[in-house]
């Protein structure tokens, strides 16, 4: 396997994004898409690209995703390209609640801290951490996000 997509999902939206990314990349590469709880550390060996995705929960990745990423040995991703994504509510919904907007400006979303962890483990970040939008806390995904996820994935491997 040359590409591994790992994700966590609470309401199924992040899983849908991960599956769309996997489907877009599987036309050109050997891809496996797995929930983070099903990933074994040995599956990280020999990867070309690792993509990690999580819903944004309390301004950060899920506990399961954070624990897995932090558990990767210090140089466990040397030579591996990495990318991260999250799912989050739309900016208009955030701005509608001033206190939420304040905390988002301070703490941000899940993708950026995941990218930092992967880089600390030796991964080479390819592309900026990306966010995909849900209409509400439980979803559904905003229209067009699955297509945007597929496009984002193709840009990662093209670049």
N, C-alpha and C. Protein backbone atom coordinates (compact mmCIF):
# COMPACT_ATOMS: atom_id res chain seq x y z
N UNK A 1 0.84 -1.18 0.00
CA UNK A 1 0.00 0.00 0.00
C UNK A 1 0.89 1.24 0.00
N UNK A 2 0.54 2.20 -0.81
CA UNK A 2 1.34 3.41 -0.85
C UNK A 2 0.66 4.61 -0.19
N UNK A 3 -0.67 4.57 -0.07
CA UNK A 3 -1.40 5.66 0.58
C UNK A 3 -2.33 5.08 1.63
N UNK A 4 -2.27 5.66 2.83
CA UNK A 4 -3.18 5.28 3.89
C UNK A 4 -3.94 6.52 4.33
N UNK A 5 -5.26 6.39 4.36
CA UNK A 5 -6.12 7.46 4.84
C UNK A 5 -6.71 6.97 6.14
N UNK A 6 -6.41 7.68 7.22
CA UNK A 6 -6.99 7.32 8.51
C UNK A 6 -7.92 8.44 8.94
N UNK A 7 -9.01 8.06 9.57
CA UNK A 7 -9.99 9.06 9.97
C UNK A 7 -10.69 8.62 11.25
N UNK A 8 -11.28 9.57 11.92
CA UNK A 8 -12.23 9.29 12.97
C UNK A 8 -13.49 10.03 12.57
N UNK A 9 -14.63 9.56 13.02
CA UNK A 9 -15.88 10.18 12.64
C UNK A 9 -16.89 9.98 13.75
N UNK A 10 -17.64 11.01 14.07
CA UNK A 10 -18.65 10.93 15.12
C UNK A 10 -20.04 10.74 14.51
N UNK A 11 -20.37 11.55 13.52
CA UNK A 11 -21.70 11.49 12.91
C UNK A 11 -21.66 10.97 11.47
N UNK A 12 -20.48 10.53 10.99
CA UNK A 12 -20.37 9.95 9.66
C UNK A 12 -19.90 10.91 8.58
N UNK A 13 -19.84 12.19 8.87
CA UNK A 13 -19.44 13.17 7.85
C UNK A 13 -17.96 13.08 7.50
N UNK A 14 -17.11 12.94 8.50
CA UNK A 14 -15.68 12.83 8.23
C UNK A 14 -15.38 11.53 7.51
N UNK A 15 -16.10 10.48 7.83
CA UNK A 15 -15.94 9.21 7.12
C UNK A 15 -16.29 9.37 5.64
N UNK A 16 -17.35 10.09 5.34
CA UNK A 16 -17.73 10.32 3.94
C UNK A 16 -16.64 11.08 3.19
N UNK A 17 -16.05 12.08 3.84
CA UNK A 17 -14.96 12.83 3.21
C UNK A 17 -13.76 11.91 2.97
N UNK A 18 -13.41 11.10 3.98
CA UNK A 18 -12.28 10.17 3.84
C UNK A 18 -12.52 9.19 2.69
N UNK A 19 -13.73 8.68 2.58
CA UNK A 19 -14.05 7.74 1.50
C UNK A 19 -13.97 8.43 0.14
N UNK A 20 -14.42 9.68 0.05
CA UNK A 20 -14.32 10.42 -1.22
C UNK A 20 -12.87 10.64 -1.62
N UNK A 21 -12.03 10.94 -0.63
CA UNK A 21 -10.60 11.13 -0.90
C UNK A 21 -9.99 9.81 -1.37
N UNK A 22 -10.32 8.73 -0.67
CA UNK A 22 -9.81 7.41 -1.05
C UNK A 22 -10.24 7.01 -2.45
N UNK A 23 -11.50 7.25 -2.78
CA UNK A 23 -11.99 6.90 -4.11
C UNK A 23 -11.28 7.70 -5.19
N UNK A 24 -11.03 8.98 -4.93
CA UNK A 24 -10.35 9.83 -5.92
C UNK A 24 -8.91 9.37 -6.15
N UNK A 25 -8.25 8.94 -5.10
CA UNK A 25 -6.84 8.54 -5.22
C UNK A 25 -6.67 7.11 -5.69
N UNK A 26 -7.67 6.26 -5.49
CA UNK A 26 -7.53 4.84 -5.83
C UNK A 26 -7.44 4.60 -7.33
N UNK A 27 -7.80 5.60 -8.12
CA UNK A 27 -7.68 5.46 -9.57
C UNK A 27 -6.22 5.50 -10.01
N UNK A 28 -5.36 6.10 -9.17
CA UNK A 28 -3.95 6.27 -9.54
C UNK A 28 -2.99 5.54 -8.61
N UNK A 29 -3.43 5.20 -7.42
CA UNK A 29 -2.53 4.66 -6.40
C UNK A 29 -3.20 3.50 -5.66
N UNK A 30 -2.38 2.75 -4.91
CA UNK A 30 -2.87 1.73 -4.00
C UNK A 30 -3.25 2.45 -2.70
N UNK A 31 -4.54 2.45 -2.37
CA UNK A 31 -5.06 3.25 -1.25
C UNK A 31 -5.85 2.35 -0.30
N UNK A 32 -5.67 2.62 0.99
CA UNK A 32 -6.51 1.99 1.99
C UNK A 32 -7.07 3.10 2.87
N UNK A 33 -8.36 3.03 3.17
CA UNK A 33 -9.04 4.01 4.00
C UNK A 33 -9.57 3.30 5.22
N UNK A 34 -9.09 3.71 6.41
CA UNK A 34 -9.44 3.01 7.65
C UNK A 34 -9.81 3.97 8.77
N UNK A 35 -10.77 3.57 9.59
CA UNK A 35 -11.05 4.30 10.83
C UNK A 35 -9.82 4.16 11.72
N UNK A 36 -9.47 5.20 12.43
CA UNK A 36 -8.24 5.21 13.22
C UNK A 36 -8.19 4.05 14.21
N UNK A 37 -9.32 3.62 14.75
CA UNK A 37 -9.34 2.52 15.71
C UNK A 37 -8.95 1.17 15.07
N UNK A 38 -8.98 1.09 13.74
CA UNK A 38 -8.63 -0.15 13.05
C UNK A 38 -7.20 -0.16 12.53
N UNK A 39 -6.47 0.93 12.72
CA UNK A 39 -5.11 1.04 12.19
C UNK A 39 -4.11 0.46 13.18
N UNK A 40 -3.21 -0.35 12.64
CA UNK A 40 -2.13 -0.91 13.45
C UNK A 40 -0.83 -0.19 13.09
N UNK A 41 0.03 0.07 14.07
CA UNK A 41 1.26 0.83 13.80
C UNK A 41 2.09 0.28 12.64
N UNK A 42 2.11 -1.02 12.45
CA UNK A 42 2.91 -1.61 11.36
C UNK A 42 2.38 -1.21 9.98
N UNK A 43 1.13 -0.76 9.91
CA UNK A 43 0.57 -0.33 8.63
C UNK A 43 1.17 0.99 8.15
N UNK A 44 1.92 1.65 9.00
CA UNK A 44 2.57 2.91 8.61
C UNK A 44 3.88 2.67 7.87
N UNK A 45 4.41 1.47 7.95
CA UNK A 45 5.68 1.16 7.29
C UNK A 45 5.52 1.16 5.78
N UNK A 46 6.45 1.81 5.10
CA UNK A 46 6.49 1.79 3.64
C UNK A 46 5.48 2.69 2.95
N UNK A 47 4.86 3.58 3.68
CA UNK A 47 3.88 4.47 3.05
C UNK A 47 4.55 5.55 2.22
N UNK A 48 3.87 5.95 1.19
CA UNK A 48 4.25 7.11 0.38
C UNK A 48 3.54 8.35 0.94
N UNK A 49 2.27 8.18 1.32
CA UNK A 49 1.44 9.29 1.78
C UNK A 49 0.50 8.81 2.88
N UNK A 50 0.43 9.60 3.96
CA UNK A 50 -0.52 9.37 5.04
C UNK A 50 -1.42 10.59 5.13
N UNK A 51 -2.73 10.37 5.03
CA UNK A 51 -3.71 11.45 5.18
C UNK A 51 -4.52 11.14 6.42
N UNK A 52 -4.61 12.12 7.32
CA UNK A 52 -5.37 11.95 8.55
C UNK A 52 -6.51 12.95 8.60
N UNK A 53 -7.69 12.48 9.01
CA UNK A 53 -8.86 13.36 9.09
C UNK A 53 -9.66 13.12 10.36
N UNK A 54 -10.17 14.21 10.91
CA UNK A 54 -10.96 14.12 12.13
C UNK A 54 -12.02 15.22 12.13
N UNK A 55 -13.15 14.95 12.77
CA UNK A 55 -14.07 16.07 12.99
C UNK A 55 -13.42 17.03 14.00
N UNK A 56 -13.79 18.26 13.95
CA UNK A 56 -13.33 19.22 14.95
C UNK A 56 -14.26 19.09 16.15
N UNK A 57 -13.69 18.69 17.26
CA UNK A 57 -14.44 18.50 18.50
C UNK A 57 -13.77 19.35 19.56
N UNK A 58 -14.47 20.33 20.08
CA UNK A 58 -13.91 21.24 21.07
C UNK A 58 -12.60 21.86 20.55
N UNK A 59 -12.62 22.25 19.27
CA UNK A 59 -11.54 22.97 18.61
C UNK A 59 -10.29 22.11 18.36
N UNK A 60 -10.43 20.79 18.41
CA UNK A 60 -9.28 19.91 18.18
C UNK A 60 -9.75 18.57 17.63
N UNK A 61 -8.79 17.70 17.27
CA UNK A 61 -9.16 16.37 16.77
C UNK A 61 -9.79 15.54 17.89
N UNK A 62 -10.42 14.43 17.51
CA UNK A 62 -10.96 13.53 18.52
C UNK A 62 -9.84 12.95 19.37
N UNK A 63 -10.20 12.48 20.53
CA UNK A 63 -9.22 11.86 21.44
C UNK A 63 -8.57 10.65 20.79
N UNK A 64 -9.36 9.84 20.09
CA UNK A 64 -8.81 8.64 19.44
C UNK A 64 -7.76 9.00 18.40
N UNK A 65 -8.04 10.03 17.59
CA UNK A 65 -7.07 10.44 16.57
C UNK A 65 -5.81 11.01 17.21
N UNK A 66 -5.98 11.87 18.19
CA UNK A 66 -4.82 12.48 18.86
C UNK A 66 -3.96 11.40 19.50
N UNK A 67 -4.57 10.46 20.18
CA UNK A 67 -3.81 9.38 20.84
C UNK A 67 -3.03 8.55 19.83
N UNK A 68 -3.68 8.22 18.72
CA UNK A 68 -2.99 7.42 17.70
C UNK A 68 -1.79 8.19 17.14
N UNK A 69 -2.01 9.44 16.75
CA UNK A 69 -0.93 10.22 16.13
C UNK A 69 0.22 10.43 17.10
N UNK A 70 -0.09 10.72 18.35
CA UNK A 70 0.98 10.92 19.34
C UNK A 70 1.72 9.64 19.64
N UNK A 71 1.07 8.49 19.40
CA UNK A 71 1.70 7.20 19.64
C UNK A 71 2.65 6.74 18.55
N UNK A 72 2.71 7.45 17.44
CA UNK A 72 3.65 7.11 16.37
C UNK A 72 5.06 7.42 16.89
N UNK A 73 6.01 6.50 16.72
CA UNK A 73 7.38 6.77 17.18
C UNK A 73 7.94 8.07 16.59
N UNK A 74 8.89 8.66 17.30
CA UNK A 74 9.46 9.96 16.95
C UNK A 74 9.89 10.15 15.52
N UNK A 75 10.46 9.15 14.91
CA UNK A 75 10.88 9.26 13.51
C UNK A 75 10.08 8.29 12.63
N UNK A 76 8.92 7.91 13.10
CA UNK A 76 8.12 6.89 12.43
C UNK A 76 7.59 7.28 11.07
N UNK A 77 7.62 8.58 10.75
CA UNK A 77 7.11 9.02 9.45
C UNK A 77 8.20 9.65 8.58
N UNK A 78 9.45 9.39 8.90
CA UNK A 78 10.53 9.92 8.05
C UNK A 78 10.36 9.42 6.63
N UNK A 79 10.40 10.35 5.67
CA UNK A 79 10.25 10.01 4.26
C UNK A 79 8.81 9.85 3.80
N UNK A 80 7.85 10.07 4.70
CA UNK A 80 6.43 9.92 4.35
C UNK A 80 5.81 11.31 4.17
N UNK A 81 5.12 11.50 3.07
CA UNK A 81 4.37 12.73 2.87
C UNK A 81 3.09 12.63 3.70
N UNK A 82 2.67 13.75 4.28
CA UNK A 82 1.48 13.74 5.12
C UNK A 82 0.56 14.91 4.76
N UNK A 83 -0.72 14.69 5.00
CA UNK A 83 -1.72 15.74 4.80
C UNK A 83 -2.83 15.51 5.81
N UNK A 84 -3.52 16.60 6.16
CA UNK A 84 -4.59 16.48 7.15
C UNK A 84 -5.82 17.26 6.71
N UNK A 85 -6.97 16.79 7.21
CA UNK A 85 -8.22 17.49 6.97
C UNK A 85 -9.12 17.34 8.18
N UNK A 86 -10.09 18.21 8.27
CA UNK A 86 -11.09 18.09 9.31
C UNK A 86 -12.46 18.42 8.73
N UNK A 87 -13.48 18.16 9.52
CA UNK A 87 -14.82 18.65 9.20
C UNK A 87 -15.17 19.65 10.29
N UNK A 88 -15.92 20.68 9.87
CA UNK A 88 -16.24 21.79 10.75
C UNK A 88 -17.51 22.45 10.28
N UNK A 89 -18.14 23.22 11.16
CA UNK A 89 -19.33 23.96 10.74
C UNK A 89 -18.89 25.15 9.89
N UNK A 90 -19.82 25.67 9.13
CA UNK A 90 -19.50 26.76 8.19
C UNK A 90 -19.16 28.05 8.93
N UNK A 91 -18.40 28.88 8.26
CA UNK A 91 -17.98 30.15 8.83
C UNK A 91 -19.18 31.03 9.20
N UNK A 92 -20.23 31.01 8.39
CA UNK A 92 -21.40 31.83 8.69
C UNK A 92 -22.06 31.39 10.00
N UNK A 93 -22.09 30.10 10.28
CA UNK A 93 -22.65 29.62 11.54
C UNK A 93 -21.75 30.00 12.71
N UNK A 94 -20.45 29.97 12.50
CA UNK A 94 -19.51 30.38 13.55
C UNK A 94 -19.69 31.86 13.87
N UNK A 95 -19.73 32.68 12.83
CA UNK A 95 -19.86 34.13 13.03
C UNK A 95 -21.20 34.52 13.65
N UNK A 96 -22.20 33.67 13.51
CA UNK A 96 -23.52 33.95 14.09
C UNK A 96 -23.50 33.86 15.62
N UNK A 97 -22.47 33.23 16.16
CA UNK A 97 -22.33 33.10 17.60
C UNK A 97 -20.99 33.73 18.00
N UNK A 98 -21.02 34.97 18.46
CA UNK A 98 -19.76 35.69 18.75
C UNK A 98 -18.80 34.96 19.68
N UNK A 99 -19.30 34.29 20.70
CA UNK A 99 -18.39 33.59 21.60
C UNK A 99 -17.70 32.43 20.88
N UNK A 100 -18.43 31.75 20.01
CA UNK A 100 -17.83 30.66 19.23
C UNK A 100 -16.77 31.21 18.28
N UNK A 101 -17.07 32.32 17.62
CA UNK A 101 -16.10 32.94 16.72
C UNK A 101 -14.83 33.32 17.48
N UNK A 102 -14.99 33.83 18.68
CA UNK A 102 -13.84 34.20 19.52
C UNK A 102 -12.96 32.97 19.78
N UNK A 103 -13.57 31.87 20.21
CA UNK A 103 -12.79 30.68 20.53
C UNK A 103 -12.16 30.05 19.29
N UNK A 104 -12.84 30.09 18.16
CA UNK A 104 -12.26 29.57 16.92
C UNK A 104 -11.01 30.37 16.56
N UNK A 105 -11.06 31.68 16.71
CA UNK A 105 -9.87 32.50 16.42
C UNK A 105 -8.70 32.13 17.32
N UNK A 106 -8.98 31.75 18.55
CA UNK A 106 -7.92 31.39 19.49
C UNK A 106 -7.43 29.96 19.26
N UNK A 107 -8.36 29.01 19.17
CA UNK A 107 -7.99 27.60 19.16
C UNK A 107 -8.00 26.93 17.80
N UNK A 108 -8.78 27.42 16.85
CA UNK A 108 -8.79 26.87 15.50
C UNK A 108 -9.57 25.58 15.36
N UNK A 109 -9.09 24.74 14.45
CA UNK A 109 -9.78 23.51 14.05
C UNK A 109 -8.84 22.32 14.18
N UNK A 110 -9.33 21.13 13.88
CA UNK A 110 -8.59 19.89 14.10
C UNK A 110 -7.42 19.65 13.15
N UNK A 111 -7.51 20.08 11.91
CA UNK A 111 -6.50 19.71 10.91
C UNK A 111 -5.11 20.25 11.22
N UNK A 112 -5.02 21.47 11.70
CA UNK A 112 -3.71 22.08 11.94
C UNK A 112 -2.93 21.37 13.06
N UNK A 113 -3.53 21.09 14.22
CA UNK A 113 -2.76 20.35 15.23
C UNK A 113 -2.37 18.94 14.79
N UNK A 114 -3.21 18.29 13.97
CA UNK A 114 -2.83 16.98 13.46
C UNK A 114 -1.60 17.10 12.57
N UNK A 115 -1.57 18.13 11.73
CA UNK A 115 -0.42 18.35 10.84
C UNK A 115 0.85 18.55 11.66
N UNK A 116 0.74 19.32 12.72
CA UNK A 116 1.92 19.57 13.58
C UNK A 116 2.44 18.28 14.20
N UNK A 117 1.54 17.44 14.67
CA UNK A 117 1.97 16.16 15.25
C UNK A 117 2.66 15.30 14.19
N UNK A 118 2.07 15.20 13.01
CA UNK A 118 2.66 14.38 11.95
C UNK A 118 4.03 14.91 11.53
N UNK A 119 4.20 16.21 11.50
CA UNK A 119 5.50 16.78 11.18
C UNK A 119 6.52 16.46 12.27
N UNK A 120 6.11 16.50 13.52
CA UNK A 120 7.02 16.16 14.63
C UNK A 120 7.46 14.71 14.56
N UNK A 121 6.65 13.88 13.93
CA UNK A 121 6.97 12.46 13.78
C UNK A 121 7.79 12.18 12.52
N UNK A 122 8.19 13.25 11.83
CA UNK A 122 9.05 13.11 10.65
C UNK A 122 8.34 13.25 9.33
N UNK A 123 7.03 13.41 9.33
CA UNK A 123 6.27 13.54 8.08
C UNK A 123 6.55 14.85 7.37
N UNK A 124 6.47 14.80 6.04
CA UNK A 124 6.65 15.98 5.20
C UNK A 124 5.28 16.48 4.77
N UNK A 125 4.87 17.63 5.29
CA UNK A 125 3.55 18.16 5.00
C UNK A 125 3.45 18.58 3.54
N UNK A 126 2.45 18.05 2.85
CA UNK A 126 2.20 18.42 1.45
C UNK A 126 0.83 19.09 1.39
N UNK A 127 0.84 20.37 1.21
CA UNK A 127 -0.41 21.12 1.19
C UNK A 127 -0.81 21.58 2.58
N UNK A 128 -1.62 22.60 2.62
CA UNK A 128 -2.10 23.13 3.88
C UNK A 128 -3.19 22.24 4.45
N UNK A 129 -3.30 22.18 5.79
CA UNK A 129 -4.42 21.46 6.39
C UNK A 129 -5.73 22.03 5.84
N UNK A 130 -6.68 21.14 5.56
CA UNK A 130 -7.92 21.55 4.89
C UNK A 130 -9.13 21.26 5.77
N UNK A 131 -10.14 22.11 5.65
CA UNK A 131 -11.39 21.92 6.36
C UNK A 131 -12.54 21.73 5.38
N UNK A 132 -13.41 20.78 5.68
CA UNK A 132 -14.60 20.54 4.87
C UNK A 132 -15.81 20.82 5.75
N UNK A 133 -16.84 21.37 5.15
CA UNK A 133 -17.93 21.97 5.91
C UNK A 133 -19.16 21.09 6.05
N UNK A 134 -19.72 21.14 7.27
CA UNK A 134 -21.00 20.52 7.57
C UNK A 134 -21.99 21.63 7.89
N UNK A 135 -23.25 21.36 7.64
CA UNK A 135 -24.29 22.37 7.86
C UNK A 135 -24.60 22.59 9.34
N UNK A 136 -24.40 21.58 10.16
CA UNK A 136 -24.66 21.68 11.59
C UNK A 136 -23.77 20.70 12.32
N UNK A 137 -23.87 20.67 13.62
CA UNK A 137 -23.01 19.80 14.43
C UNK A 137 -23.04 18.35 13.94
N UNK A 138 -24.21 17.86 13.60
CA UNK A 138 -24.33 16.47 13.15
C UNK A 138 -24.36 16.34 11.63
N UNK A 139 -24.20 17.44 10.91
CA UNK A 139 -24.24 17.39 9.47
C UNK A 139 -25.59 17.85 8.97
N UNK A 140 -25.88 17.62 7.75
CA UNK A 140 -25.11 16.88 6.75
C UNK A 140 -23.94 17.71 6.20
N UNK A 141 -23.15 17.08 5.35
CA UNK A 141 -22.10 17.82 4.66
C UNK A 141 -22.71 18.91 3.80
N UNK A 142 -22.03 20.02 3.71
CA UNK A 142 -22.47 21.09 2.82
C UNK A 142 -22.40 20.56 1.38
N UNK A 143 -23.33 20.96 0.57
CA UNK A 143 -23.36 20.50 -0.83
C UNK A 143 -22.04 20.82 -1.52
N UNK A 144 -21.53 19.85 -2.25
CA UNK A 144 -20.29 20.03 -3.01
C UNK A 144 -19.02 19.64 -2.27
N UNK A 145 -19.13 19.32 -0.98
CA UNK A 145 -17.92 19.03 -0.20
C UNK A 145 -17.25 17.72 -0.59
N UNK A 146 -18.03 16.71 -0.99
CA UNK A 146 -17.41 15.45 -1.41
C UNK A 146 -16.58 15.67 -2.68
N UNK A 147 -17.10 16.46 -3.60
CA UNK A 147 -16.36 16.77 -4.83
C UNK A 147 -15.11 17.60 -4.51
N UNK A 148 -15.27 18.54 -3.59
CA UNK A 148 -14.12 19.37 -3.19
C UNK A 148 -13.04 18.53 -2.52
N UNK A 149 -13.46 17.54 -1.74
CA UNK A 149 -12.50 16.63 -1.09
C UNK A 149 -11.73 15.82 -2.13
N UNK A 150 -12.42 15.33 -3.13
CA UNK A 150 -11.77 14.58 -4.20
C UNK A 150 -10.78 15.46 -4.94
N UNK A 151 -11.15 16.69 -5.23
CA UNK A 151 -10.24 17.63 -5.90
C UNK A 151 -9.01 17.92 -5.04
N UNK A 152 -9.23 18.12 -3.75
CA UNK A 152 -8.13 18.38 -2.82
C UNK A 152 -7.14 17.21 -2.82
N UNK A 153 -7.67 16.00 -2.79
CA UNK A 153 -6.82 14.81 -2.80
C UNK A 153 -5.99 14.72 -4.07
N UNK A 154 -6.61 14.99 -5.21
CA UNK A 154 -5.87 14.94 -6.48
C UNK A 154 -4.76 16.01 -6.51
N UNK A 155 -5.02 17.16 -5.94
CA UNK A 155 -4.00 18.23 -5.88
C UNK A 155 -2.82 17.80 -5.02
N UNK A 156 -3.10 17.08 -3.93
CA UNK A 156 -2.02 16.63 -3.04
C UNK A 156 -1.07 15.70 -3.79
N UNK A 157 -1.61 14.73 -4.50
CA UNK A 157 -0.68 13.80 -5.15
C UNK A 157 -0.08 14.36 -6.43
N UNK A 158 -0.71 15.37 -7.00
CA UNK A 158 -0.15 16.01 -8.20
C UNK A 158 1.02 16.91 -7.81
N UNK A 159 0.96 17.48 -6.62
CA UNK A 159 1.98 18.45 -6.19
C UNK A 159 3.09 17.78 -5.52
